[in-house]
PDB file of N, CA and C in Angstrom:
ATOM      1  N   UNK A   1       0.242 -10.894 -18.205  1.00  0.00           N
ATOM      2  CA  UNK A   1      -0.124  -9.509 -17.764  1.00  0.00           C
ATOM      3  C   UNK A   1      -0.304  -9.915 -16.231  1.00  0.00           C
ATOM      4  N   UNK A   2       0.087  -8.953 -15.459  1.00  0.00           N
ATOM      5  CA  UNK A   2       0.234  -9.104 -14.042  1.00  0.00           C
ATOM      6  C   UNK A   2      -0.569  -7.796 -13.401  1.00  0.00           C
ATOM      7  N   UNK A   3      -1.423  -7.978 -12.205  1.00  0.00           N
ATOM      8  CA  UNK A   3      -2.167  -7.066 -11.520  1.00  0.00           C
ATOM      9  C   UNK A   3      -1.649  -7.254 -10.202  1.00  0.00           C
ATOM     10  N   UNK A   4      -1.152  -5.872  -9.696  1.00  0.00           N
ATOM     11  CA  UNK A   4      -0.469  -5.848  -8.434  1.00  0.00           C
ATOM     12  C   UNK A   4      -1.156  -4.527  -7.479  1.00  0.00           C
ATOM     13  N   UNK A   5      -1.561  -4.669  -6.298  1.00  0.00           N
ATOM     14  CA  UNK A   5      -2.234  -3.835  -5.587  1.00  0.00           C
ATOM     15  C   UNK A   5      -0.986  -3.473  -3.983  1.00  0.00           C
ATOM     16  N   UNK A   6      -1.041  -2.476  -3.979  1.00  0.00           N
ATOM     17  CA  UNK A   6      -0.260  -1.781  -2.719  1.00  0.00           C
ATOM     18  C   UNK A   6      -1.032  -0.711  -2.015  1.00  0.00           C
ATOM     19  N   UNK A   7      -0.852  -0.585  -0.584  1.00  0.00           N
ATOM     20  CA  UNK A   7      -1.337   0.316   0.200  1.00  0.00           C
ATOM     21  C   UNK A   7      -0.413   0.963   0.972  1.00  0.00           C
ATOM     22  N   UNK A   8      -0.527   2.174   1.217  1.00  0.00           N
ATOM     23  CA  UNK A   8       0.647   2.916   2.140  1.00  0.00           C
ATOM     24  C   UNK A   8      -0.265   3.966   2.878  1.00  0.00           C
ATOM     25  N   UNK A   9       0.332   4.216   4.246  1.00  0.00           N
ATOM     26  CA  UNK A   9      -0.545   5.213   5.012  1.00  0.00           C
ATOM     27  C   UNK A   9      -0.185   6.508   4.225  1.00  0.00           C
ATOM     28  N   UNK A  10      -0.888   7.439   4.668  1.00  0.00           N
ATOM     29  CA  UNK A  10      -0.686   8.909   4.042  1.00  0.00           C
ATOM     30  C   UNK A  10      -0.907   9.987   5.086  1.00  0.00           C
ATOM     31  N   UNK A  11      -0.507  11.104   5.036  1.00  0.00           N
ATOM     32  CA  UNK A  11      -0.705  12.199   6.205  1.00  0.00           C
ATOM     33  C   UNK A  11      -1.526  13.238   5.690  1.00  0.00           C
ATOM     34  N   UNK A  12      -1.915  13.105   4.294  1.00  0.00           N
ATOM     35  CA  UNK A  12      -2.637  14.641   4.084  1.00  0.00           C
ATOM     36  C   UNK A  12      -3.477  14.194   2.566  1.00  0.00           C
ATOM     37  N   UNK A  13      -4.443  14.839   2.362  1.00  0.00           N
ATOM     38  CA  UNK A  13      -5.396  14.528   1.303  1.00  0.00           C
ATOM     39  C   UNK A  13      -4.806  15.082   0.241  1.00  0.00           C
ATOM     40  N   UNK A  14      -5.068  14.276  -0.966  1.00  0.00           N
ATOM     41  CA  UNK A  14      -4.681  15.155  -2.226  1.00  0.00           C
ATOM     42  C   UNK A  14      -5.925  15.520  -2.985  1.00  0.00           C
ATOM     43  N   UNK A  15      -5.898  16.854  -3.577  1.00  0.00           N
ATOM     44  CA  UNK A  15      -7.124  17.225  -3.902  1.00  0.00           C
ATOM     45  C   UNK A  15      -7.109  17.475  -5.556  1.00  0.00           C
ATOM     46  N   UNK A  16      -5.879  16.959  -6.261  1.00  0.00           N
ATOM     47  CA  UNK A  16      -6.465  17.185  -7.867  1.00  0.00           C
ATOM     48  C   UNK A  16      -5.696  15.865  -8.443  1.00  0.00           C
ATOM     49  N   UNK A  17      -6.101  16.023  -9.594  1.00  0.00           N
ATOM     50  CA  UNK A  17      -5.742  14.841 -10.563  1.00  0.00           C
ATOM     51  C   UNK A  17      -4.621  15.103 -11.406  1.00  0.00           C
ATOM     52  N   UNK A  18      -3.762  14.017 -11.874  1.00  0.00           N
ATOM     53  CA  UNK A  18      -2.679  14.199 -12.739  1.00  0.00           C
ATOM     54  C   UNK A  18      -2.468  12.554 -13.718  1.00  0.00           C
ATOM     55  N   UNK A  19      -1.989  13.166 -14.577  1.00  0.00           N
ATOM     56  CA  UNK A  19      -2.074  11.974 -15.560  1.00  0.00           C
ATOM     57  C   UNK A  19      -0.705  12.441 -16.552  1.00  0.00           C
ATOM     58  N   UNK A  20       0.429  11.403 -16.142  1.00  0.00           N
ATOM     59  CA  UNK A  20       1.768  11.512 -16.916  1.00  0.00           C
ATOM     60  C   UNK A  20       2.259  10.103 -17.675  1.00  0.00           C
ATOM     61  N   UNK A  21       2.844  10.230 -18.671  1.00  0.00           N
ATOM     62  CA  UNK A  21       3.516   9.273 -19.138  1.00  0.00           C
ATOM     63  C   UNK A  21       2.523   8.611 -20.360  1.00  0.00           C
ATOM     64  N   UNK A  22       3.008   7.346 -21.170  1.00  0.00           N
ATOM     65  CA  UNK A  22       2.205   6.767 -21.868  1.00  0.00           C
ATOM     66  C   UNK A  22       2.579   5.312 -21.738  1.00  0.00           C
ATOM     67  N   UNK A  23       1.614   4.564 -22.222  1.00  0.00           N
ATOM     68  CA  UNK A  23       1.637   2.980 -22.441  1.00  0.00           C
ATOM     69  C   UNK A  23       2.577   2.701 -23.465  1.00  0.00           C
ATOM     70  N   UNK A  24       3.628   2.444 -23.417  1.00  0.00           N
ATOM     71  CA  UNK A  24       4.467   1.969 -24.573  1.00  0.00           C
ATOM     72  C   UNK A  24       5.475   1.617 -24.378  1.00  0.00           C
ATOM     73  N   UNK A  25       6.516   0.908 -25.353  1.00  0.00           N
ATOM     74  CA  UNK A  25       7.497   0.247 -25.086  1.00  0.00           C
ATOM     75  C   UNK A  25       8.762   0.601 -24.175  1.00  0.00           C
ATOM     76  N   UNK A  26       8.691   0.230 -22.853  1.00  0.00           N
ATOM     77  CA  UNK A  26       9.963   0.663 -22.124  1.00  0.00           C
ATOM     78  C   UNK A  26       9.282   1.921 -21.202  1.00  0.00           C
ATOM     79  N   UNK A  27       8.007   2.235 -21.056  1.00  0.00           N
ATOM     80  CA  UNK A  27       7.191   3.297 -20.607  1.00  0.00           C
ATOM     81  C   UNK A  27       6.207   2.876 -19.728  1.00  0.00           C
ATOM     82  N   UNK A  28       5.760   3.800 -19.147  1.00  0.00           N
ATOM     83  CA  UNK A  28       4.212   3.622 -18.165  1.00  0.00           C
ATOM     84  C   UNK A  28       3.579   5.025 -18.143  1.00  0.00           C
ATOM     85  N   UNK A  29       2.568   4.916 -17.924  1.00  0.00           N
ATOM     86  CA  UNK A  29       1.535   5.649 -17.603  1.00  0.00           C
ATOM     87  C   UNK A  29       1.100   5.709 -15.978  1.00  0.00           C
ATOM     88  N   UNK A  30       1.048   7.031 -15.346  1.00  0.00           N
ATOM     89  CA  UNK A  30       0.742   7.053 -14.039  1.00  0.00           C
ATOM     90  C   UNK A  30      -0.519   8.043 -13.937  1.00  0.00           C
ATOM     91  N   UNK A  31      -1.483   7.465 -13.268  1.00  0.00           N
ATOM     92  CA  UNK A  31      -2.882   8.316 -13.165  1.00  0.00           C
ATOM     93  C   UNK A  31      -2.767   8.606 -11.641  1.00  0.00           C
ATOM     94  N   UNK A  32      -3.034   9.600 -11.130  1.00  0.00           N
ATOM     95  CA  UNK A  32      -3.098   9.971  -9.808  1.00  0.00           C
ATOM     96  C   UNK A  32      -4.350  10.722  -9.361  1.00  0.00           C
ATOM     97  N   UNK A  33      -4.976  10.394  -8.568  1.00  0.00           N
ATOM     98  CA  UNK A  33      -6.425  11.122  -8.143  1.00  0.00           C
ATOM     99  C   UNK A  33      -6.402  10.984  -6.665  1.00  0.00           C
ATOM    100  N   UNK A  34      -7.663  11.812  -6.204  1.00  0.00           N
ATOM    101  CA  UNK A  34      -7.632  11.865  -4.741  1.00  0.00           C
ATOM    102  C   UNK A  34      -8.253  10.694  -4.482  1.00  0.00           C
ATOM    103  N   UNK A  35      -7.694  10.235  -3.012  1.00  0.00           N
ATOM    104  CA  UNK A  35      -8.374   8.941  -2.688  1.00  0.00           C
ATOM    105  C   UNK A  35      -9.875   9.187  -2.216  1.00  0.00           C
ATOM    106  N   UNK A  36     -10.698   8.179  -2.209  1.00  0.00           N
ATOM    107  CA  UNK A  36     -11.905   8.550  -1.500  1.00  0.00           C
ATOM    108  C   UNK A  36     -12.020   8.610  -0.309  1.00  0.00           C
ATOM    109  N   UNK A  37     -13.141   9.699   0.109  1.00  0.00           N
ATOM    110  CA  UNK A  37     -13.155   9.922   1.565  1.00  0.00           C
ATOM    111  C   UNK A  37     -13.522   8.636   2.509  1.00  0.00           C
ATOM    112  N   UNK A  38     -12.385   8.321   3.187  1.00  0.00           N
ATOM    113  CA  UNK A  38     -12.406   7.197   4.172  1.00  0.00           C
ATOM    114  C   UNK A  38     -13.223   7.131   5.327  1.00  0.00           C
ATOM    115  N   UNK A  39     -14.237   8.365   5.312  1.00  0.00           N
ATOM    116  CA  UNK A  39     -15.444   8.065   6.428  1.00  0.00           C
ATOM    117  C   UNK A  39     -14.781   8.274   7.729  1.00  0.00           C
ATOM    118  N   UNK A  40     -13.854   8.689   7.968  1.00  0.00           N
ATOM    119  CA  UNK A  40     -13.112   8.930   9.424  1.00  0.00           C
ATOM    120  C   UNK A  40     -12.019   8.080   9.563  1.00  0.00           C
ATOM    121  N   UNK A  41     -11.733   7.136   8.644  1.00  0.00           N
ATOM    122  CA  UNK A  41     -10.558   6.211   8.689  1.00  0.00           C
ATOM    123  C   UNK A  41      -9.360   6.933   8.423  1.00  0.00           C
ATOM    124  N   UNK A  42      -8.226   6.227   8.523  1.00  0.00           N
ATOM    125  CA  UNK A  42      -7.030   6.794   8.457  1.00  0.00           C
ATOM    126  C   UNK A  42      -6.945   6.962   7.216  1.00  0.00           C
ATOM    127  N   UNK A  43      -6.031   8.070   6.656  1.00  0.00           N
ATOM    128  CA  UNK A  43      -5.861   8.408   5.379  1.00  0.00           C
ATOM    129  C   UNK A  43      -4.733   7.194   4.824  1.00  0.00           C
ATOM    130  N   UNK A  44      -5.075   7.055   3.479  1.00  0.00           N
ATOM    131  CA  UNK A  44      -4.172   6.138   2.956  1.00  0.00           C
ATOM    132  C   UNK A  44      -3.952   6.134   1.508  1.00  0.00           C
ATOM    133  N   UNK A  45      -3.056   5.889   0.818  1.00  0.00           N
ATOM    134  CA  UNK A  45      -2.965   5.644  -0.463  1.00  0.00           C
ATOM    135  C   UNK A  45      -2.978   4.229  -1.000  1.00  0.00           C
ATOM    136  N   UNK A  46      -3.555   4.383  -2.142  1.00  0.00           N
ATOM    137  CA  UNK A  46      -3.911   2.840  -3.102  1.00  0.00           C
ATOM    138  C   UNK A  46      -3.148   2.896  -4.153  1.00  0.00           C
ATOM    139  N   UNK A  47      -2.295   1.912  -4.613  1.00  0.00           N
ATOM    140  CA  UNK A  47      -1.734   1.819  -5.891  1.00  0.00           C
ATOM    141  C   UNK A  47      -2.239   0.329  -6.558  1.00  0.00           C
ATOM    142  N   UNK A  48      -2.307   0.961  -7.747  1.00  0.00           N
ATOM    143  CA  UNK A  48      -2.769  -0.528  -8.616  1.00  0.00           C
ATOM    144  C   UNK A  48      -1.611  -0.671  -9.804  1.00  0.00           C
ATOM    145  N   UNK A  49      -1.291  -1.742  -9.850  1.00  0.00           N
ATOM    146  CA  UNK A  49      -0.114  -1.891 -11.136  1.00  0.00           C
ATOM    147  C   UNK A  49      -0.697  -2.972 -12.194  1.00  0.00           C
ATOM    148  N   UNK A  50      -0.562  -2.352 -13.173  1.00  0.00           N
ATOM    149  CA  UNK A  50      -1.149  -3.382 -14.508  1.00  0.00           C
ATOM    150  C   UNK A  50       0.283  -3.435 -15.422  1.00  0.00           C
ATOM    151  N   UNK A  51       0.951  -4.536 -15.203  1.00  0.00           N
ATOM    152  CA  UNK A  51       2.147  -4.473 -16.020  1.00  0.00           C
ATOM    153  C   UNK A  51       2.228  -5.823 -17.043  1.00  0.00           C
ATOM    154  N   UNK A  52       3.101  -5.660 -18.023  1.00  0.00           N
ATOM    155  CA  UNK A  52       3.091  -6.825 -18.889  1.00  0.00           C
ATOM    156  C   UNK A  52       4.322  -7.674 -18.802  1.00  0.00           C
ATOM    157  N   UNK A  53       4.821  -7.287 -17.494  1.00  0.00           N
ATOM    158  CA  UNK A  53       6.226  -8.133 -17.500  1.00  0.00           C
ATOM    159  C   UNK A  53       5.660  -8.962 -15.957  1.00  0.00           C
ATOM    160  N   UNK A  54       5.677 -10.218 -15.853  1.00  0.00           N
ATOM    161  CA  UNK A  54       5.067 -11.004 -14.832  1.00  0.00           C
ATOM    162  C   UNK A  54       6.568 -11.438 -13.903  1.00  0.00           C
ATOM    163  N   UNK A  55       6.217 -11.441 -12.414  1.00  0.00           N
ATOM    164  CA  UNK A  55       7.181 -12.082 -11.674  1.00  0.00           C
ATOM    165  C   UNK A  55       8.081 -11.176 -10.960  1.00  0.00           C
ATOM    166  N   UNK A  56       7.672  -9.696 -11.161  1.00  0.00           N
ATOM    167  CA  UNK A  56       8.587  -8.568 -10.403  1.00  0.00           C
ATOM    168  C   UNK A  56       7.862  -8.013  -9.454  1.00  0.00           C
ATOM    169  N   UNK A  57       7.008  -8.522  -8.679  1.00  0.00           N
ATOM    170  CA  UNK A  57       6.384  -7.897  -7.532  1.00  0.00           C
ATOM    171  C   UNK A  57       7.408  -7.351  -6.556  1.00  0.00           C
ATOM    172  N   UNK A  58       8.131  -8.096  -6.267  1.00  0.00           N
ATOM    173  CA  UNK A  58       9.154  -7.599  -5.142  1.00  0.00           C
ATOM    174  C   UNK A  58       9.722  -6.358  -5.730  1.00  0.00           C
ATOM    175  N   UNK A  59      10.109  -6.148  -6.851  1.00  0.00           N
ATOM    176  CA  UNK A  59      10.914  -4.954  -7.342  1.00  0.00           C
ATOM    177  C   UNK A  59       9.716  -3.791  -7.390  1.00  0.00           C
ATOM    178  N   UNK A  60       8.566  -3.926  -7.799  1.00  0.00           N
ATOM    179  CA  UNK A  60       7.382  -3.031  -7.471  1.00  0.00           C
ATOM    180  C   UNK A  60       7.316  -2.518  -6.168  1.00  0.00           C
ATOM    181  N   UNK A  61       7.306  -3.357  -5.419  1.00  0.00           N
ATOM    182  CA  UNK A  61       7.372  -3.199  -3.862  1.00  0.00           C
ATOM    183  C   UNK A  61       8.464  -2.328  -3.439  1.00  0.00           C
ATOM    184  N   UNK A  62       9.670  -2.501  -3.823  1.00  0.00           N
ATOM    185  CA  UNK A  62      10.618  -1.833  -3.684  1.00  0.00           C
ATOM    186  C   UNK A  62      10.751  -0.498  -3.758  1.00  0.00           C
ATOM    187  N   UNK A  63      10.334  -0.365  -5.371  1.00  0.00           N
ATOM    188  CA  UNK A  63      10.099   1.166  -5.983  1.00  0.00           C
ATOM    189  C   UNK A  63       9.061   1.948  -4.982  1.00  0.00           C
ATOM    190  N   UNK A  64       7.891   1.309  -4.854  1.00  0.00           N
ATOM    191  CA  UNK A  64       6.906   1.935  -4.260  1.00  0.00           C
ATOM    192  C   UNK A  64       7.226   2.134  -3.031  1.00  0.00           C
ATOM    193  N   UNK A  65       7.584   1.463  -2.068  1.00  0.00           N
ATOM    194  CA  UNK A  65       8.224   1.557  -0.759  1.00  0.00           C
ATOM    195  C   UNK A  65       9.432   2.808  -0.578  1.00  0.00           C
ATOM    196  N   UNK A  66      10.108   3.010  -1.294  1.00  0.00           N
ATOM    197  CA  UNK A  66      10.790   3.827  -1.391  1.00  0.00           C
ATOM    198  C   UNK A  66      10.473   5.412  -1.746  1.00  0.00           C
ATOM    199  N   UNK A  67       9.286   5.206  -2.453  1.00  0.00           N
ATOM    200  CA  UNK A  67       8.723   6.258  -2.967  1.00  0.00           C
ATOM    201  C   UNK A  67       7.840   6.882  -1.940  1.00  0.00           C
ATOM    202  N   UNK A  68       7.120   6.047  -1.274  1.00  0.00           N
ATOM    203  CA  UNK A  68       6.181   6.484  -0.430  1.00  0.00           C
ATOM    204  C   UNK A  68       7.097   6.741   0.905  1.00  0.00           C
ATOM    205  N   UNK A  69       8.223   6.636   1.265  1.00  0.00           N
ATOM    206  CA  UNK A  69       8.983   7.260   2.407  1.00  0.00           C
ATOM    207  C   UNK A  69       9.256   8.986   2.094  1.00  0.00           C
ATOM    208  N   UNK A  70       9.126   9.180   1.163  1.00  0.00           N
ATOM    209  CA  UNK A  70       9.014  10.531   0.739  1.00  0.00           C
ATOM    210  C   UNK A  70       7.469  11.303   0.423  1.00  0.00           C
ATOM    211  N   UNK A  71       6.774  10.558  -0.093  1.00  0.00           N
ATOM    212  CA  UNK A  71       5.439  11.020  -0.582  1.00  0.00           C
ATOM    213  C   UNK A  71       4.267  10.676   0.465  1.00  0.00           C
ATOM    214  N   UNK A  72       3.616  11.514   1.113  1.00  0.00           N
ATOM    215  CA  UNK A  72       2.524  11.250   2.125  1.00  0.00           C
ATOM    216  C   UNK A  72       1.181  11.676   1.753  1.00  0.00           C
ATOM    217  N   UNK A  73       0.886  11.738   0.462  1.00  0.00           N
ATOM    218  CA  UNK A  73      -0.381  12.286   0.056  1.00  0.00           C
ATOM    219  C   UNK A  73      -1.570  11.006  -0.210  1.00  0.00           C
ATOM    220  N   UNK A  74      -2.598  10.968   0.311  1.00  0.00           N
ATOM    221  CA  UNK A  74      -3.609  10.189   0.210  1.00  0.00           C
ATOM    222  C   UNK A  74      -4.485  10.030  -1.285  1.00  0.00           C
ATOM    223  N   UNK A  75      -3.870   9.093  -2.105  1.00  0.00           N
ATOM    224  CA  UNK A  75      -4.385   9.082  -3.494  1.00  0.00           C
ATOM    225  C   UNK A  75      -4.570   7.794  -3.943  1.00  0.00           C
ATOM    226  N   UNK A  76      -5.089   7.773  -5.017  1.00  0.00           N
ATOM    227  CA  UNK A  76      -5.501   6.586  -5.701  1.00  0.00           C
ATOM    228  C   UNK A  76      -4.246   6.594  -7.027  1.00  0.00           C
ATOM    229  N   UNK A  77      -3.452   5.686  -6.882  1.00  0.00           N
ATOM    230  CA  UNK A  77      -2.497   5.596  -8.052  1.00  0.00           C
ATOM    231  C   UNK A  77      -2.761   4.319  -9.042  1.00  0.00           C
ATOM    232  N   UNK A  78      -2.881   4.821 -10.332  1.00  0.00           N
ATOM    233  CA  UNK A  78      -2.796   3.222 -11.222  1.00  0.00           C
ATOM    234  C   UNK A  78      -1.750   3.605 -12.156  1.00  0.00           C
ATOM    235  N   UNK A  79      -0.824   2.640 -12.220  1.00  0.00           N
ATOM    236  CA  UNK A  79       0.371   2.407 -12.971  1.00  0.00           C
ATOM    237  C   UNK A  79      -0.149   1.507 -14.150  1.00  0.00           C
ATOM    238  N   UNK A  80      -0.031   1.876 -15.346  1.00  0.00           N
ATOM    239  CA  UNK A  80      -0.180   1.041 -16.629  1.00  0.00           C
ATOM    240  C   UNK A  80       1.289   0.754 -17.046  1.00  0.00           C
ATOM    241  N   UNK A  81       1.727  -0.394 -17.052  1.00  0.00           N
ATOM    242  CA  UNK A  81       3.350  -0.233 -17.454  1.00  0.00           C
ATOM    243  C   UNK A  81       3.342  -1.470 -18.648  1.00  0.00           C
ATOM    244  N   UNK A  82       4.329  -1.095 -19.509  1.00  0.00           N
ATOM    245  CA  UNK A  82       4.763  -1.816 -20.498  1.00  0.00           C
ATOM    246  C   UNK A  82       6.376  -2.017 -20.865  1.00  0.00           C
ATOM    247  N   UNK A  83       6.972  -2.536 -19.312  1.00  0.00           N
ATOM    248  CA  UNK A  83       8.316  -2.911 -19.381  1.00  0.00           C
ATOM    249  C   UNK A  83       9.123  -1.879 -18.951  1.00  0.00           C
ATOM    250  N   UNK A  84       8.677  -0.640 -18.261  1.00  0.00           N
ATOM    251  CA  UNK A  84       9.579   0.340 -17.730  1.00  0.00           C
ATOM    252  C   UNK A  84      10.283  -0.123 -16.614  1.00  0.00           C
ATOM    253  N   UNK A  85      11.609   0.338 -16.675  1.00  0.00           N
ATOM    254  CA  UNK A  85      12.675   0.250 -15.370  1.00  0.00           C
ATOM    255  C   UNK A  85      12.381   1.131 -14.335  1.00  0.00           C
ATOM    256  N   UNK A  86      12.997   0.234 -13.198  1.00  0.00           N
ATOM    257  CA  UNK A  86      12.601   1.053 -11.884  1.00  0.00           C
ATOM    258  C   UNK A  86      12.968   2.348 -12.065  1.00  0.00           C
ATOM    259  N   UNK A  87      13.767   2.875 -12.597  1.00  0.00           N
ATOM    260  CA  UNK A  87      14.483   4.497 -12.735  1.00  0.00           C
ATOM    261  C   UNK A  87      13.029   5.262 -13.467  1.00  0.00           C
ATOM    262  N   UNK A  88      12.414   4.458 -14.470  1.00  0.00           N
ATOM    263  CA  UNK A  88      11.475   5.171 -15.208  1.00  0.00           C
ATOM    264  C   UNK A  88      10.308   5.385 -14.398  1.00  0.00           C
ATOM    265  N   UNK A  89      10.078   4.300 -13.727  1.00  0.00           N
ATOM    266  CA  UNK A  89       8.627   4.251 -12.615  1.00  0.00           C
ATOM    267  C   UNK A  89       9.250   5.444 -11.658  1.00  0.00           C
ATOM    268  N   UNK A  90      10.232   5.396 -10.946  1.00  0.00           N
ATOM    269  CA  UNK A  90      10.642   6.628 -10.205  1.00  0.00           C
ATOM    270  C   UNK A  90      10.265   7.939 -10.628  1.00  0.00           C
ATOM    271  N   UNK A  91      10.566   8.111 -11.869  1.00  0.00           N
ATOM    272  CA  UNK A  91      10.322   9.436 -12.409  1.00  0.00           C
ATOM    273  C   UNK A  91       9.262   9.678 -12.711  1.00  0.00           C
ATOM    274  N   UNK A  92       8.450   8.771 -13.343  1.00  0.00           N
ATOM    275  CA  UNK A  92       6.845   9.005 -13.599  1.00  0.00           C
ATOM    276  C   UNK A  92       6.212   9.331 -12.333  1.00  0.00           C
ATOM    277  N   UNK A  93       6.496   8.637 -10.994  1.00  0.00           N
ATOM    278  CA  UNK A  93       5.747   8.824  -9.878  1.00  0.00           C
ATOM    279  C   UNK A  93       6.230  10.409  -9.526  1.00  0.00           C
ATOM    280  N   UNK A  94       7.329  10.752  -9.733  1.00  0.00           N
ATOM    281  CA  UNK A  94       7.735  12.155  -9.350  1.00  0.00           C
ATOM    282  C   UNK A  94       6.998  13.044 -10.163  1.00  0.00           C
ATOM    283  N   UNK A  95       6.881  12.870 -11.418  1.00  0.00           N
ATOM    284  CA  UNK A  95       6.312  13.715 -12.069  1.00  0.00           C
ATOM    285  C   UNK A  95       4.571  13.699 -12.048  1.00  0.00           C
ATOM    286  N   UNK A  96       4.098  12.583 -11.618  1.00  0.00           N
ATOM    287  CA  UNK A  96       2.793  12.820 -11.251  1.00  0.00           C
ATOM    288  C   UNK A  96       2.528  13.476  -9.987  1.00  0.00           C
ATOM    289  N   UNK A  97       3.225  13.655  -8.869  1.00  0.00           N
ATOM    290  CA  UNK A  97       3.131  14.205  -8.004  1.00  0.00           C
ATOM    291  C   UNK A  97       3.316  15.787  -8.244  1.00  0.00           C
ATOM    292  N   UNK A  98       4.116  16.046  -9.066  1.00  0.00           N
ATOM    293  CA  UNK A  98       4.724  17.590  -9.494  1.00  0.00           C
ATOM    294  C   UNK A  98       3.285  18.192 -10.214  1.00  0.00           C
ATOM    295  N   UNK A  99       2.653  17.234 -11.192  1.00  0.00           N
ATOM    296  CA  UNK A  99       1.649  17.576 -12.014  1.00  0.00           C
ATOM    297  C   UNK A  99       0.822  17.875 -10.969  1.00  0.00           C
ATOM    298  N   UNK A 100       0.195  17.122  -9.807  1.00  0.00           N
ATOM    299  CA  UNK A 100      -0.848  17.114  -9.137  1.00  0.00           C
ATOM    300  C   UNK A 100      -0.608  18.321  -8.325  1.00  0.00           C
ATOM    301  N   UNK A 101       0.447  18.656  -7.855  1.00  0.00           N
ATOM    302  CA  UNK A 101       0.586  19.747  -7.069  1.00  0.00           C
ATOM    303  C   UNK A 101       0.508  21.256  -7.767  1.00  0.00           C
ATOM    304  N   UNK A 102       0.891  20.933  -8.994  1.00  0.00           N
ATOM    305  CA  UNK A 102       0.497  22.098 -10.111  1.00  0.00           C
ATOM    306  C   UNK A 102      -0.861  22.231 -10.540  1.00  0.00           C
ATOM    307  N   UNK A 103      -1.489  21.266 -10.241  1.00  0.00           N
ATOM    308  CA  UNK A 103      -3.157  21.252 -10.773  1.00  0.00           C
ATOM    309  C   UNK A 103      -3.458  20.776 -12.050  1.00  0.00           C
ATOM    310  N   UNK A 104      -2.502  19.578 -12.582  1.00  0.00           N
ATOM    311  CA  UNK A 104      -2.766  19.149 -13.928  1.00  0.00           C
ATOM    312  C   UNK A 104      -2.108  18.121 -14.531  1.00  0.00           C
ATOM    313  N   UNK A 105      -2.046  17.765 -15.941  1.00  0.00           N
ATOM    314  CA  UNK A 105      -1.237  16.930 -16.526  1.00  0.00           C
ATOM    315  C   UNK A 105      -0.029  17.359 -16.929  1.00  0.00           C
ATOM    316  N   UNK A 106       0.831  16.260 -17.353  1.00  0.00           N
ATOM    317  CA  UNK A 106       2.212  16.438 -18.030  1.00  0.00           C
ATOM    318  C   UNK A 106       1.883  15.992 -19.557  1.00  0.00           C
TER     319      UNK A 106
END
């Protein structure tokens, strides 16, 4: 089991939570919540990945780097992975953002 963390700059505050996916074979769960108030500091997104597959931090970084070129929300994102492919990761992240913007869970 590997535990990875990533931080990205953000431009806007996120105000709602979202939960998408399930932890299961070849899938993952994404929990998105508003970032804690930085107390005047710059807005940022913080990502924690818990994955059953060791040794792929460079792949996670690539997928998240690409996601954060399009997403500018200051959020805490928890990803609980059980062997999802990069395509599934990107899909679940997009679903979490959509769910948060709609104000709920999928």
